[in-house]
Structure formats: structure tokens, C-alpha cells
Amino acid sequence: MVNTCETEPFFAFHYANAFEQDGYLIIDAASYPDASAIEDFYLETLRLGTQRMQTGQLTRYAVPLQGEIVRSDPLTSALVEFPRIHYRRCNGRPYRFVYGGNGQQPRNFIDQLVKVDVTTGNLQTWQQPNCYPGEPVFVAAPEAAAEDDGVLLTLVLDAQQQQTSLFILDARSFSPIAQATVPHVVPFGFHGQFFS
């Protein structure tokens, strides 16, 4: 069966999750109104430092399996990029928590981490002055009982100290557990991975 649907145009670098529910394909994405966000990363734009780096709006798209109109609703008021979930447990299934990065300062990179409860819209944040975290990576606790039972790993650049540390945050409370500082700055990367 083929079905054609319509929605307002959007652009997305990253998707949090997708699953089928109640006659809809649910797609959660860090979406932008258009692809102009790509221009934020042009070297000449970065050197100018004159505009705020755009961050995606975590949006739920409900695509009808039979029907024509796609519904779209923001999942939180916070802007979120690099969305991550408890992948092994929730990929392709309904889920509750997504983690990502958010930029609070104009003309800046991501400077805080966020945890969004997609069922309630509740938001938890973590940040430190002059620090820029990378993409958070969720690692489940052995035999985890709850979806957010685990830790988040992220590299954090401390611009004032000019050093990078690996931060480990409790995924449930969103508080730091440990920090391991490396003897040099690790360049920003777009993605991080964890392999057992």
C-alpha cells in the first residue's frame, strides 16, 4: 500500500526515533524550517561570528498510514540537537526520554545538555560556565530496569582552562558522577559513539 501525505516543509540533520502507533508512523526529529542551518557551519560564517547558531526544534511528526495530512508538534520548548535515546531498548518503539545539546548563548556552539521527557515535555538541563559539551552518548546500566537507568558520556571543552574532559552524568538525575581530564584539547566532533 502506498500513501501520499503532506506537511509544511522542514529540514533535519538528526532524528531521535521513529515507530508505528495507533495508525500513524511517529517520527521525532530535530527539525529546522529550512536548510539554511547548514550555512551556520560555513567557515566564513563562523569567522564572522555575527549570527546565532541555529538549533533544531525537537518535533514529533505523526504521518498517517491512511490519510493525507501530517501532524507536527514540538515535544519541548527547548531547542535540541544531536538527539540520543536508549537505543537498544527504544529504537523503533515508543519511548520516554531523549538527550541532546542546546545552545543558550548567541553566536555560540552547544553549551548545555538537555534531557526531555517526550510524554510530559519536562526538561532537565546541565551546564557549566565557559564549557561546551559534545553529543551525549547514553550507556545503559547492566540489567537496567528503567529507560533512563544508565549514564551519559560527553566530551566537554572548558574554554577558560583550554582543556577537554570526559564527563559522566547520571542519566536519571542528570548530575555529574565523574570527570576525566585529558592533557590536551580534543577538537569538536559532530558525533560520538560507544562500543562495548
N, C-alpha and C. Protein backbone atom coordinates (compact mmCIF):
# COMPACT_ATOMS: atom_id res chain seq x y z
N MET A 1 0.85 -1.18 0.00
CA MET A 1 0.00 0.00 0.00
C MET A 1 0.90 1.25 0.00
N VAL A 2 0.57 2.21 -0.85
CA VAL A 2 1.29 3.48 -0.93
C VAL A 2 0.34 4.58 -0.49
N ASN A 3 0.84 5.49 0.32
CA ASN A 3 0.03 6.60 0.80
C ASN A 3 0.83 7.89 0.63
N THR A 4 0.21 8.92 0.08
CA THR A 4 0.87 10.21 -0.09
C THR A 4 0.34 11.18 0.96
N CYS A 5 1.27 11.81 1.69
CA CYS A 5 0.91 12.74 2.76
C CYS A 5 1.59 14.07 2.52
N GLU A 6 1.07 15.11 3.17
CA GLU A 6 1.65 16.43 3.04
C GLU A 6 1.83 17.07 4.42
N THR A 7 2.88 17.90 4.52
CA THR A 7 3.12 18.70 5.71
C THR A 7 3.90 19.94 5.30
N GLU A 8 4.07 20.85 6.23
CA GLU A 8 4.90 22.02 5.96
C GLU A 8 6.33 21.55 5.73
N PRO A 9 7.09 22.22 4.86
CA PRO A 9 8.47 21.79 4.63
C PRO A 9 9.33 21.98 5.88
N PHE A 10 10.34 21.13 6.02
CA PHE A 10 11.30 21.26 7.12
C PHE A 10 12.59 20.59 6.70
N PHE A 11 13.63 20.83 7.49
CA PHE A 11 14.94 20.22 7.26
C PHE A 11 15.39 19.62 8.58
N ALA A 12 16.09 18.48 8.53
CA ALA A 12 16.61 17.86 9.75
C ALA A 12 17.96 17.22 9.47
N PHE A 13 18.90 17.46 10.38
CA PHE A 13 20.16 16.74 10.36
C PHE A 13 19.99 15.38 11.05
N HIS A 14 19.26 15.39 12.19
CA HIS A 14 19.23 14.23 13.07
C HIS A 14 17.82 13.88 13.51
N TYR A 15 17.58 12.58 13.64
CA TYR A 15 16.30 12.04 14.08
C TYR A 15 16.50 11.32 15.41
N ALA A 16 15.55 11.48 16.32
CA ALA A 16 15.64 10.82 17.63
C ALA A 16 15.15 9.38 17.55
N ASN A 17 13.99 9.18 16.92
CA ASN A 17 13.39 7.85 16.90
C ASN A 17 12.21 7.87 15.93
N ALA A 18 11.73 6.67 15.58
CA ALA A 18 10.53 6.52 14.75
C ALA A 18 9.89 5.19 15.12
N PHE A 19 8.55 5.16 15.14
CA PHE A 19 7.83 3.94 15.47
C PHE A 19 6.39 4.07 14.99
N GLU A 20 5.71 2.95 14.88
CA GLU A 20 4.32 2.94 14.46
C GLU A 20 3.43 2.89 15.69
N GLN A 21 2.36 3.73 15.68
CA GLN A 21 1.46 3.78 16.83
C GLN A 21 0.09 4.30 16.40
N ASP A 22 -0.95 3.54 16.72
CA ASP A 22 -2.34 3.97 16.51
C ASP A 22 -2.61 4.48 15.09
N GLY A 23 -2.11 3.76 14.09
CA GLY A 23 -2.37 4.14 12.70
C GLY A 23 -1.48 5.24 12.16
N TYR A 24 -0.44 5.59 12.89
CA TYR A 24 0.49 6.63 12.45
C TYR A 24 1.93 6.11 12.50
N LEU A 25 2.75 6.63 11.63
CA LEU A 25 4.19 6.49 11.75
C LEU A 25 4.65 7.73 12.50
N ILE A 26 5.19 7.55 13.69
CA ILE A 26 5.65 8.67 14.53
C ILE A 26 7.13 8.87 14.25
N ILE A 27 7.50 10.09 13.89
CA ILE A 27 8.90 10.43 13.60
C ILE A 27 9.27 11.64 14.45
N ASP A 28 10.27 11.47 15.30
CA ASP A 28 10.75 12.57 16.14
C ASP A 28 12.08 13.05 15.61
N ALA A 29 12.16 14.34 15.28
CA ALA A 29 13.36 14.88 14.63
C ALA A 29 13.70 16.25 15.21
N ALA A 30 14.99 16.58 15.16
CA ALA A 30 15.44 17.94 15.47
C ALA A 30 15.30 18.72 14.17
N SER A 31 14.20 19.41 14.01
CA SER A 31 13.88 19.99 12.71
C SER A 31 14.07 21.51 12.68
N TYR A 32 14.30 21.98 11.48
CA TYR A 32 14.52 23.40 11.17
C TYR A 32 13.51 23.80 10.09
N PRO A 33 13.15 25.07 10.01
CA PRO A 33 12.18 25.48 8.97
C PRO A 33 12.71 25.30 7.55
N ASP A 34 14.05 25.35 7.39
CA ASP A 34 14.66 25.17 6.07
C ASP A 34 16.11 24.74 6.25
N ALA A 35 16.83 24.59 5.16
CA ALA A 35 18.21 24.09 5.21
C ALA A 35 19.25 25.19 5.42
N SER A 36 18.82 26.41 5.77
CA SER A 36 19.79 27.49 5.97
C SER A 36 20.71 27.22 7.16
N ALA A 37 20.34 26.29 8.04
CA ALA A 37 21.19 25.95 9.18
C ALA A 37 22.56 25.44 8.72
N ILE A 38 22.61 24.86 7.54
CA ILE A 38 23.89 24.37 7.01
C ILE A 38 24.87 25.53 6.87
N GLU A 39 24.37 26.71 6.48
CA GLU A 39 25.23 27.87 6.27
C GLU A 39 25.89 28.35 7.56
N ASP A 40 25.32 27.99 8.72
CA ASP A 40 25.93 28.36 10.00
C ASP A 40 27.32 27.75 10.14
N PHE A 41 27.57 26.65 9.46
CA PHE A 41 28.83 25.93 9.61
C PHE A 41 29.84 26.26 8.51
N TYR A 42 29.50 27.16 7.61
CA TYR A 42 30.48 27.61 6.62
C TYR A 42 31.59 28.35 7.35
N LEU A 43 32.81 28.15 6.95
CA LEU A 43 33.95 28.76 7.64
C LEU A 43 33.84 30.28 7.67
N GLU A 44 33.43 30.89 6.57
CA GLU A 44 33.32 32.35 6.55
C GLU A 44 32.25 32.84 7.52
N THR A 45 31.19 32.08 7.71
CA THR A 45 30.15 32.45 8.67
C THR A 45 30.66 32.33 10.09
N LEU A 46 31.36 31.24 10.38
CA LEU A 46 31.92 31.05 11.72
C LEU A 46 32.92 32.16 12.06
N ARG A 47 33.72 32.55 11.08
CA ARG A 47 34.71 33.61 11.33
C ARG A 47 34.05 34.95 11.62
N LEU A 48 32.92 35.23 10.98
CA LEU A 48 32.22 36.49 11.21
C LEU A 48 31.65 36.56 12.63
N GLY A 49 31.14 35.44 13.11
CA GLY A 49 30.57 35.39 14.45
C GLY A 49 29.43 36.35 14.66
N THR A 50 28.65 36.62 13.62
CA THR A 50 27.62 37.64 13.71
C THR A 50 26.22 37.09 13.92
N GLN A 51 26.06 35.79 13.84
CA GLN A 51 24.70 35.27 13.99
C GLN A 51 24.68 34.11 14.96
N ARG A 52 23.51 33.87 15.52
CA ARG A 52 23.31 32.76 16.44
C ARG A 52 23.30 31.45 15.64
N MET A 53 23.99 30.45 16.18
CA MET A 53 23.95 29.13 15.58
C MET A 53 22.54 28.58 15.79
N GLN A 54 21.90 28.16 14.72
CA GLN A 54 20.57 27.60 14.85
C GLN A 54 20.64 26.23 15.52
N THR A 55 19.63 25.91 16.29
CA THR A 55 19.49 24.60 16.92
C THR A 55 18.10 24.08 16.58
N GLY A 56 18.02 22.78 16.37
CA GLY A 56 16.76 22.19 15.95
C GLY A 56 15.68 22.22 17.02
N GLN A 57 14.45 22.23 16.57
CA GLN A 57 13.28 22.13 17.44
C GLN A 57 12.87 20.66 17.45
N LEU A 58 12.94 20.01 18.61
CA LEU A 58 12.56 18.61 18.70
C LEU A 58 11.06 18.51 18.42
N THR A 59 10.72 17.92 17.27
CA THR A 59 9.35 17.92 16.78
C THR A 59 8.89 16.51 16.50
N ARG A 60 7.64 16.23 16.85
CA ARG A 60 7.02 14.94 16.55
C ARG A 60 6.13 15.09 15.32
N TYR A 61 6.42 14.28 14.30
CA TYR A 61 5.62 14.23 13.08
C TYR A 61 4.79 12.95 13.13
N ALA A 62 3.48 13.10 13.06
CA ALA A 62 2.57 11.95 13.04
C ALA A 62 2.09 11.77 11.60
N VAL A 63 2.66 10.79 10.91
CA VAL A 63 2.36 10.54 9.49
C VAL A 63 1.28 9.46 9.43
N PRO A 64 0.09 9.79 8.90
CA PRO A 64 -0.98 8.79 8.88
C PRO A 64 -0.66 7.67 7.89
N LEU A 65 -0.91 6.44 8.31
CA LEU A 65 -0.72 5.32 7.39
C LEU A 65 -1.83 5.30 6.35
N GLN A 66 -2.98 5.85 6.71
CA GLN A 66 -4.07 6.06 5.76
C GLN A 66 -4.61 7.46 6.03
N GLY A 67 -4.36 8.36 5.13
CA GLY A 67 -4.75 9.75 5.32
C GLY A 67 -3.77 10.64 4.59
N GLU A 68 -4.00 11.94 4.63
CA GLU A 68 -3.21 12.85 3.81
C GLU A 68 -2.42 13.88 4.59
N ILE A 69 -2.86 14.25 5.80
CA ILE A 69 -2.25 15.38 6.49
C ILE A 69 -1.37 14.89 7.64
N VAL A 70 -0.12 15.35 7.66
CA VAL A 70 0.83 15.02 8.71
C VAL A 70 0.68 16.06 9.83
N ARG A 71 0.53 15.58 11.05
CA ARG A 71 0.51 16.49 12.20
C ARG A 71 1.93 16.67 12.69
N SER A 72 2.25 17.88 13.14
CA SER A 72 3.57 18.12 13.73
C SER A 72 3.41 18.97 14.97
N ASP A 73 4.08 18.53 16.04
CA ASP A 73 4.01 19.23 17.32
C ASP A 73 5.38 19.23 17.98
N PRO A 74 5.80 20.38 18.53
CA PRO A 74 7.07 20.40 19.28
C PRO A 74 6.93 19.55 20.55
N LEU A 75 8.01 18.84 20.90
CA LEU A 75 7.99 18.00 22.09
C LEU A 75 8.48 18.74 23.33
N THR A 76 9.12 19.89 23.12
CA THR A 76 9.61 20.70 24.23
C THR A 76 9.82 22.12 23.72
N SER A 77 9.88 23.05 24.65
CA SER A 77 10.16 24.44 24.26
C SER A 77 11.66 24.64 24.02
N ALA A 78 12.49 23.75 24.55
CA ALA A 78 13.94 23.87 24.37
C ALA A 78 14.32 23.45 22.96
N LEU A 79 15.36 24.08 22.45
CA LEU A 79 15.90 23.67 21.17
C LEU A 79 16.89 22.53 21.43
N VAL A 80 16.84 21.51 20.59
CA VAL A 80 17.62 20.29 20.83
C VAL A 80 18.30 19.86 19.54
N GLU A 81 19.58 19.52 19.64
CA GLU A 81 20.29 18.92 18.51
C GLU A 81 21.06 17.70 19.02
N PHE A 82 21.46 16.85 18.12
CA PHE A 82 22.13 15.58 18.44
C PHE A 82 21.28 14.72 19.37
N PRO A 83 20.00 14.50 19.05
CA PRO A 83 19.16 13.72 19.97
C PRO A 83 19.63 12.27 20.07
N ARG A 84 19.64 11.77 21.29
CA ARG A 84 20.03 10.37 21.56
C ARG A 84 19.01 9.75 22.51
N ILE A 85 18.80 8.46 22.35
CA ILE A 85 17.88 7.71 23.21
C ILE A 85 18.59 6.47 23.73
N HIS A 86 17.90 5.73 24.58
CA HIS A 86 18.36 4.40 24.98
C HIS A 86 18.09 3.50 23.78
N TYR A 87 19.05 3.47 22.88
CA TYR A 87 18.85 2.91 21.55
C TYR A 87 18.47 1.43 21.57
N ARG A 88 19.21 0.64 22.31
CA ARG A 88 18.95 -0.81 22.30
C ARG A 88 17.54 -1.14 22.77
N ARG A 89 17.06 -0.39 23.74
CA ARG A 89 15.74 -0.67 24.31
C ARG A 89 14.60 -0.01 23.53
N CYS A 90 14.84 1.18 22.97
CA CYS A 90 13.74 2.00 22.46
C CYS A 90 13.73 2.24 20.96
N ASN A 91 14.78 1.88 20.24
CA ASN A 91 14.80 2.15 18.81
C ASN A 91 13.63 1.46 18.11
N GLY A 92 12.84 2.26 17.39
CA GLY A 92 11.69 1.72 16.67
C GLY A 92 10.49 1.43 17.55
N ARG A 93 10.51 1.92 18.80
CA ARG A 93 9.42 1.67 19.76
C ARG A 93 9.06 2.98 20.47
N PRO A 94 7.87 3.04 21.04
CA PRO A 94 7.56 4.20 21.87
C PRO A 94 8.59 4.33 22.99
N TYR A 95 8.90 5.55 23.36
CA TYR A 95 9.95 5.81 24.33
C TYR A 95 9.58 7.05 25.14
N ARG A 96 10.37 7.34 26.15
CA ARG A 96 10.05 8.48 27.01
C ARG A 96 11.12 9.56 27.03
N PHE A 97 12.41 9.18 27.00
CA PHE A 97 13.47 10.16 27.21
C PHE A 97 14.37 10.31 25.99
N VAL A 98 14.73 11.56 25.73
CA VAL A 98 15.71 11.87 24.69
C VAL A 98 16.70 12.87 25.29
N TYR A 99 17.96 12.69 24.93
CA TYR A 99 19.04 13.55 25.42
C TYR A 99 19.63 14.29 24.23
N GLY A 100 20.13 15.49 24.46
CA GLY A 100 20.73 16.24 23.35
C GLY A 100 21.46 17.47 23.85
N GLY A 101 21.89 18.28 22.90
CA GLY A 101 22.59 19.52 23.20
C GLY A 101 21.73 20.71 22.86
N ASN A 102 22.02 21.83 23.53
CA ASN A 102 21.26 23.06 23.32
C ASN A 102 22.23 24.23 23.44
N GLY A 103 22.04 25.25 22.61
CA GLY A 103 22.86 26.45 22.67
C GLY A 103 22.10 27.59 23.31
N GLN A 104 22.60 28.11 24.42
CA GLN A 104 21.93 29.19 25.14
C GLN A 104 22.47 30.57 24.81
N GLN A 105 23.73 30.66 24.40
CA GLN A 105 24.36 31.95 24.15
C GLN A 105 24.34 32.28 22.66
N PRO A 106 24.05 33.53 22.29
CA PRO A 106 24.09 33.93 20.88
C PRO A 106 25.48 33.71 20.29
N ARG A 107 25.52 33.35 19.02
CA ARG A 107 26.77 33.16 18.26
C ARG A 107 27.69 32.15 18.94
N ASN A 108 27.10 31.08 19.45
CA ASN A 108 27.87 30.11 20.19
C ASN A 108 27.50 28.70 19.78
N PHE A 109 28.35 27.77 20.14
CA PHE A 109 28.06 26.36 19.93
C PHE A 109 27.19 25.85 21.09
N ILE A 110 26.90 24.59 21.07
CA ILE A 110 26.11 23.97 22.13
C ILE A 110 26.84 24.18 23.46
N ASP A 111 26.11 24.72 24.44
CA ASP A 111 26.73 25.00 25.72
C ASP A 111 25.99 24.37 26.90
N GLN A 112 25.02 23.52 26.61
CA GLN A 112 24.38 22.77 27.68
C GLN A 112 23.80 21.47 27.13
N LEU A 113 23.60 20.52 28.03
CA LEU A 113 22.94 19.27 27.68
C LEU A 113 21.52 19.32 28.21
N VAL A 114 20.61 18.63 27.52
CA VAL A 114 19.22 18.59 27.94
C VAL A 114 18.72 17.15 27.95
N LYS A 115 17.77 16.90 28.84
CA LYS A 115 17.04 15.63 28.90
C LYS A 115 15.58 16.01 28.79
N VAL A 116 14.90 15.47 27.77
CA VAL A 116 13.50 15.79 27.53
C VAL A 116 12.65 14.55 27.79
N ASP A 117 11.61 14.72 28.59
CA ASP A 117 10.59 13.69 28.75
C ASP A 117 9.55 13.95 27.66
N VAL A 118 9.53 13.13 26.62
CA VAL A 118 8.66 13.41 25.47
C VAL A 118 7.19 13.17 25.78
N THR A 119 6.89 12.52 26.91
CA THR A 119 5.49 12.31 27.27
C THR A 119 4.91 13.50 28.03
N THR A 120 5.77 14.26 28.73
CA THR A 120 5.28 15.39 29.52
C THR A 120 5.84 16.73 29.06
N GLY A 121 6.93 16.71 28.31
CA GLY A 121 7.60 17.94 27.92
C GLY A 121 8.56 18.46 28.98
N ASN A 122 8.63 17.79 30.14
CA ASN A 122 9.55 18.23 31.20
C ASN A 122 10.98 18.20 30.70
N LEU A 123 11.77 19.12 31.24
CA LEU A 123 13.13 19.33 30.76
C LEU A 123 14.09 19.40 31.94
N GLN A 124 15.21 18.69 31.81
CA GLN A 124 16.31 18.83 32.75
C GLN A 124 17.51 19.33 31.96
N THR A 125 18.33 20.18 32.58
CA THR A 125 19.50 20.72 31.88
C THR A 125 20.75 20.55 32.73
N TRP A 126 21.89 20.52 32.05
CA TRP A 126 23.19 20.52 32.72
C TRP A 126 24.12 21.43 31.94
N GLN A 127 24.81 22.33 32.65
CA GLN A 127 25.81 23.16 32.00
C GLN A 127 26.77 23.71 33.05
N GLN A 128 27.94 24.12 32.58
CA GLN A 128 28.94 24.77 33.42
C GLN A 128 29.45 26.00 32.68
N PRO A 129 29.84 27.04 33.39
CA PRO A 129 30.32 28.26 32.73
C PRO A 129 31.52 27.98 31.82
N ASN A 130 31.50 28.60 30.65
CA ASN A 130 32.59 28.52 29.67
C ASN A 130 32.85 27.10 29.17
N CYS A 131 31.86 26.22 29.27
CA CYS A 131 32.03 24.83 28.85
C CYS A 131 31.10 24.49 27.69
N TYR A 132 31.61 23.66 26.79
CA TYR A 132 30.89 23.30 25.58
C TYR A 132 30.89 21.78 25.42
N PRO A 133 29.75 21.14 25.74
CA PRO A 133 29.69 19.69 25.64
C PRO A 133 29.49 19.24 24.19
N GLY A 134 29.94 18.03 23.94
CA GLY A 134 29.69 17.40 22.65
C GLY A 134 28.39 16.61 22.70
N GLU A 135 28.18 15.82 21.69
CA GLU A 135 26.98 14.98 21.62
C GLU A 135 26.97 13.99 22.79
N PRO A 136 25.87 13.92 23.55
CA PRO A 136 25.82 12.95 24.64
C PRO A 136 25.59 11.54 24.09
N VAL A 137 26.20 10.57 24.74
CA VAL A 137 26.03 9.17 24.37
C VAL A 137 25.46 8.45 25.58
N PHE A 138 24.30 7.81 25.42
CA PHE A 138 23.66 7.08 26.52
C PHE A 138 24.23 5.67 26.58
N VAL A 139 24.62 5.26 27.80
CA VAL A 139 25.10 3.90 28.05
C VAL A 139 24.23 3.33 29.16
N ALA A 140 23.47 2.28 28.86
CA ALA A 140 22.58 1.67 29.84
C ALA A 140 23.37 0.96 30.93
N ALA A 141 22.82 0.98 32.14
CA ALA A 141 23.40 0.20 33.22
C ALA A 141 23.18 -1.28 32.92
N PRO A 142 24.09 -2.15 33.38
CA PRO A 142 23.85 -3.58 33.20
C PRO A 142 22.51 -3.97 33.83
N GLU A 143 21.71 -4.67 33.08
CA GLU A 143 20.38 -5.11 33.55
C GLU A 143 19.52 -3.94 34.01
N ALA A 144 19.56 -2.85 33.26
CA ALA A 144 18.79 -1.65 33.60
C ALA A 144 17.30 -1.97 33.67
N ALA A 145 16.64 -1.45 34.71
CA ALA A 145 15.21 -1.66 34.87
C ALA A 145 14.41 -0.53 34.21
N ALA A 146 14.89 0.69 34.34
CA ALA A 146 14.17 1.85 33.79
C ALA A 146 14.85 2.33 32.52
N GLU A 147 14.09 3.03 31.70
CA GLU A 147 14.62 3.53 30.42
C GLU A 147 15.80 4.47 30.62
N ASP A 148 15.81 5.26 31.68
CA ASP A 148 16.90 6.20 31.92
C ASP A 148 17.88 5.70 32.98
N ASP A 149 17.93 4.39 33.16
CA ASP A 149 18.87 3.78 34.11
C ASP A 149 20.20 3.58 33.40
N GLY A 150 21.11 4.52 33.59
CA GLY A 150 22.40 4.46 32.93
C GLY A 150 23.14 5.77 33.09
N VAL A 151 24.11 5.99 32.21
CA VAL A 151 24.90 7.21 32.26
C VAL A 151 24.96 7.84 30.87
N LEU A 152 25.31 9.12 30.88
CA LEU A 152 25.61 9.84 29.65
C LEU A 152 27.10 10.13 29.63
N LEU A 153 27.72 9.89 28.49
CA LEU A 153 29.12 10.24 28.29
C LEU A 153 29.16 11.41 27.33
N THR A 154 29.99 12.40 27.63
CA THR A 154 30.16 13.50 26.70
C THR A 154 31.53 14.14 26.92
N LEU A 155 32.15 14.53 25.83
CA LEU A 155 33.38 15.32 25.92
C LEU A 155 32.98 16.77 26.12
N VAL A 156 33.66 17.47 27.04
CA VAL A 156 33.34 18.85 27.33
C VAL A 156 34.61 19.69 27.21
N LEU A 157 34.55 20.71 26.37
CA LEU A 157 35.65 21.66 26.23
C LEU A 157 35.45 22.78 27.24
N ASP A 158 36.42 22.96 28.11
CA ASP A 158 36.42 24.09 29.03
C ASP A 158 37.26 25.18 28.36
N ALA A 159 36.59 26.19 27.80
CA ALA A 159 37.28 27.22 27.02
C ALA A 159 38.21 28.07 27.89
N GLN A 160 37.84 28.30 29.13
CA GLN A 160 38.68 29.12 30.01
C GLN A 160 39.96 28.38 30.40
N GLN A 161 39.85 27.10 30.72
CA GLN A 161 41.01 26.30 31.11
C GLN A 161 41.76 25.72 29.90
N GLN A 162 41.14 25.80 28.74
CA GLN A 162 41.70 25.26 27.50
C GLN A 162 42.06 23.79 27.66
N GLN A 163 41.06 23.02 28.10
CA GLN A 163 41.24 21.58 28.24
C GLN A 163 39.92 20.88 28.02
N THR A 164 40.00 19.61 27.69
CA THR A 164 38.83 18.79 27.44
C THR A 164 38.76 17.70 28.50
N SER A 165 37.53 17.41 28.93
CA SER A 165 37.30 16.34 29.90
C SER A 165 36.17 15.45 29.39
N LEU A 166 36.25 14.19 29.76
CA LEU A 166 35.13 13.28 29.56
C LEU A 166 34.28 13.39 30.81
N PHE A 167 33.03 13.81 30.64
CA PHE A 167 32.10 13.89 31.76
C PHE A 167 31.18 12.68 31.72
N ILE A 168 30.89 12.16 32.90
CA ILE A 168 29.92 11.07 33.04
C ILE A 168 28.81 11.60 33.93
N LEU A 169 27.60 11.64 33.38
CA LEU A 169 26.45 12.13 34.12
C LEU A 169 25.48 10.99 34.37
N ASP A 170 24.85 10.99 35.54
CA ASP A 170 23.78 10.05 35.82
C ASP A 170 22.61 10.41 34.91
N ALA A 171 22.15 9.49 34.10
CA ALA A 171 21.10 9.80 33.12
C ALA A 171 19.77 10.10 33.79
N ARG A 172 19.53 9.55 34.94
CA ARG A 172 18.25 9.78 35.62
C ARG A 172 18.23 11.14 36.31
N SER A 173 19.21 11.43 37.13
CA SER A 173 19.22 12.69 37.89
C SER A 173 19.84 13.84 37.11
N PHE A 174 20.58 13.50 36.05
CA PHE A 174 21.26 14.47 35.20
C PHE A 174 22.33 15.24 35.97
N SER A 175 22.95 14.56 36.93
CA SER A 175 24.02 15.18 37.71
C SER A 175 25.33 14.48 37.40
N PRO A 176 26.46 15.21 37.49
CA PRO A 176 27.76 14.61 37.19
C PRO A 176 28.14 13.54 38.21
N ILE A 177 28.73 12.46 37.69
CA ILE A 177 29.23 11.38 38.54
C ILE A 177 30.75 11.43 38.57
N ALA A 178 31.36 11.66 37.41
CA ALA A 178 32.82 11.63 37.31
C ALA A 178 33.27 12.50 36.15
N GLN A 179 34.55 12.84 36.20
CA GLN A 179 35.16 13.66 35.15
C GLN A 179 36.61 13.20 34.99
N ALA A 180 37.01 12.95 33.74
CA ALA A 180 38.40 12.57 33.46
C ALA A 180 38.97 13.58 32.48
N THR A 181 39.96 14.35 32.92
CA THR A 181 40.55 15.40 32.10
C THR A 181 41.68 14.83 31.26
N VAL A 182 41.70 15.20 29.99
CA VAL A 182 42.78 14.78 29.11
C VAL A 182 43.81 15.90 29.05
N PRO A 183 45.07 15.59 28.70
CA PRO A 183 46.13 16.60 28.76
C PRO A 183 46.16 17.57 27.58
N HIS A 184 45.14 17.58 26.75
CA HIS A 184 45.11 18.47 25.59
C HIS A 184 43.65 18.72 25.20
N VAL A 185 43.46 19.65 24.30
CA VAL A 185 42.12 19.94 23.80
C VAL A 185 41.76 18.93 22.73
N VAL A 186 40.56 18.37 22.83
CA VAL A 186 40.05 17.46 21.80
C VAL A 186 39.16 18.31 20.89
N PRO A 187 39.45 18.36 19.59
CA PRO A 187 38.62 19.17 18.68
C PRO A 187 37.16 18.74 18.70
N PHE A 188 36.30 19.71 18.44
CA PHE A 188 34.87 19.40 18.36
C PHE A 188 34.63 18.34 17.30
N GLY A 189 33.75 17.42 17.62
CA GLY A 189 33.30 16.44 16.64
C GLY A 189 31.79 16.49 16.58
N PHE A 190 31.24 16.08 15.46
CA PHE A 190 29.78 16.11 15.32
C PHE A 190 29.12 14.94 16.03
N HIS A 191 29.84 13.84 16.17
CA HIS A 191 29.20 12.64 16.72
C HIS A 191 30.12 11.92 17.68
N GLY A 192 29.53 11.16 18.57
CA GLY A 192 30.27 10.28 19.45
C GLY A 192 29.62 8.91 19.43
N GLN A 193 30.39 7.89 19.69
CA GLN A 193 29.87 6.52 19.71
C GLN A 193 30.42 5.78 20.92
N PHE A 194 29.68 4.81 21.40
CA PHE A 194 30.16 3.93 22.46
C PHE A 194 30.05 2.50 21.97
N PHE A 195 31.13 1.77 22.10
CA PHE A 195 31.15 0.36 21.68
C PHE A 195 31.53 -0.48 22.88
N SER A 196 30.76 -1.51 23.15
CA SER A 196 31.08 -2.37 24.29
C SER A 196 32.24 -3.29 23.96
